């Protein structure tokens, strides 16, 4: 019997687009990244930084 969960089954997805955008830099950088993701027709956006606020989340959703 297998004790560990096979994570490759759960995370069986391709990452097509990766774009950096720091919340500590110019707002234009975030807008550029959000537009790139919009134009790429992505299904999901993941932001991973303590510096992202609800206002920045709304900015990304706007695009």
C-alpha atoms as a PDB file:
ATOM      1  CA  UNK A   1       0.000   0.000   0.000  1.00  0.00           C
ATOM      2  CA  UNK A   2       1.233   3.457  -0.846  1.00  0.00           C
ATOM      3  CA  UNK A   3       1.414   5.784   2.163  1.00  0.00           C
ATOM      4  CA  UNK A   4       2.112   8.977   0.250  1.00  0.00           C
ATOM      5  CA  UNK A   5      -0.229  10.783  -2.093  1.00  0.00           C
ATOM      6  CA  UNK A   6       0.959  10.937  -5.705  1.00  0.00           C
ATOM      7  CA  UNK A   7       1.110  14.722  -6.216  1.00  0.00           C
ATOM      8  CA  UNK A   8       1.760  14.333  -9.949  1.00  0.00           C
ATOM      9  CA  UNK A   9      -1.854  13.255 -10.335  1.00  0.00           C
ATOM     10  CA  UNK A  10      -3.185  16.296  -8.490  1.00  0.00           C
ATOM     11  CA  UNK A  11      -0.939  18.820 -10.232  1.00  0.00           C
ATOM     12  CA  UNK A  12      -1.160  17.447 -13.750  1.00  0.00           C
ATOM     13  CA  UNK A  13      -1.275  20.811 -15.509  1.00  0.00           C
ATOM     14  CA  UNK A  14       0.937  22.722 -17.896  1.00  0.00           C
ATOM     15  CA  UNK A  15       2.276  26.166 -17.144  1.00  0.00           C
ATOM     16  CA  UNK A  16       2.111  28.109 -20.349  1.00  0.00           C
ATOM     17  CA  UNK A  17       2.841  31.687 -19.327  1.00  0.00           C
ATOM     18  CA  UNK A  18       5.060  32.993 -16.541  1.00  0.00           C
ATOM     19  CA  UNK A  19       5.635  36.711 -16.156  1.00  0.00           C
ATOM     20  CA  UNK A  20       7.324  38.510 -13.272  1.00  0.00           C
ATOM     21  CA  UNK A  21       5.757  41.564 -11.678  1.00  0.00           C
ATOM     22  CA  UNK A  22       6.889  42.915  -8.331  1.00  0.00           C
ATOM     23  CA  UNK A  23       4.425  44.820  -6.139  1.00  0.00           C
ATOM     24  CA  UNK A  24       7.388  46.914  -4.991  1.00  0.00           C
ATOM     25  CA  UNK A  25       8.107  48.406  -8.413  1.00  0.00           C
ATOM     26  CA  UNK A  26       6.228  50.662 -10.810  1.00  0.00           C
ATOM     27  CA  UNK A  27       2.491  50.084 -11.245  1.00  0.00           C
ATOM     28  CA  UNK A  28       3.117  50.002 -15.001  1.00  0.00           C
ATOM     29  CA  UNK A  29       5.045  46.735 -14.543  1.00  0.00           C
ATOM     30  CA  UNK A  30       1.992  45.120 -12.968  1.00  0.00           C
ATOM     31  CA  UNK A  31      -0.273  46.482 -15.681  1.00  0.00           C
ATOM     32  CA  UNK A  32       2.069  45.143 -18.368  1.00  0.00           C
ATOM     33  CA  UNK A  33       2.068  41.697 -16.770  1.00  0.00           C
ATOM     34  CA  UNK A  34      -1.726  41.734 -16.346  1.00  0.00           C
ATOM     35  CA  UNK A  35      -2.213  42.697 -20.006  1.00  0.00           C
ATOM     36  CA  UNK A  36       0.171  39.960 -21.131  1.00  0.00           C
ATOM     37  CA  UNK A  37      -1.805  37.391 -19.165  1.00  0.00           C
ATOM     38  CA  UNK A  38      -5.101  38.750 -20.518  1.00  0.00           C
ATOM     39  CA  UNK A  39      -3.862  38.615 -24.094  1.00  0.00           C
ATOM     40  CA  UNK A  40      -2.592  35.068 -23.531  1.00  0.00           C
ATOM     41  CA  UNK A  41      -6.087  33.932 -22.481  1.00  0.00           C
ATOM     42  CA  UNK A  42      -4.911  32.208 -19.306  1.00  0.00           C
ATOM     43  CA  UNK A  43      -7.324  30.309 -17.079  1.00  0.00           C
ATOM     44  CA  UNK A  44      -5.673  31.136 -13.774  1.00  0.00           C
ATOM     45  CA  UNK A  45      -3.343  33.754 -12.331  1.00  0.00           C
ATOM     46  CA  UNK A  46      -1.218  32.969  -9.289  1.00  0.00           C
ATOM     47  CA  UNK A  47       0.464  35.763  -7.380  1.00  0.00           C
ATOM     48  CA  UNK A  48       2.851  34.742  -4.642  1.00  0.00           C
ATOM     49  CA  UNK A  49       4.217  37.612  -2.591  1.00  0.00           C
ATOM     50  CA  UNK A  50       3.394  39.165   0.760  1.00  0.00           C
ATOM     51  CA  UNK A  51       3.423  42.554  -0.927  1.00  0.00           C
ATOM     52  CA  UNK A  52       0.328  41.946  -3.032  1.00  0.00           C
ATOM     53  CA  UNK A  53      -2.683  43.816  -1.684  1.00  0.00           C
ATOM     54  CA  UNK A  54      -6.391  43.681  -2.487  1.00  0.00           C
ATOM     55  CA  UNK A  55      -5.896  46.795  -4.626  1.00  0.00           C
ATOM     56  CA  UNK A  56      -3.286  44.983  -6.719  1.00  0.00           C
ATOM     57  CA  UNK A  57      -5.595  41.977  -6.991  1.00  0.00           C
ATOM     58  CA  UNK A  58      -8.314  44.263  -8.351  1.00  0.00           C
ATOM     59  CA  UNK A  59      -5.833  45.747 -10.822  1.00  0.00           C
ATOM     60  CA  UNK A  60      -4.996  42.308 -12.202  1.00  0.00           C
ATOM     61  CA  UNK A  61      -8.689  41.347 -12.353  1.00  0.00           C
ATOM     62  CA  UNK A  62      -9.451  44.571 -14.228  1.00  0.00           C
ATOM     63  CA  UNK A  63      -7.373  43.402 -17.172  1.00  0.00           C
END
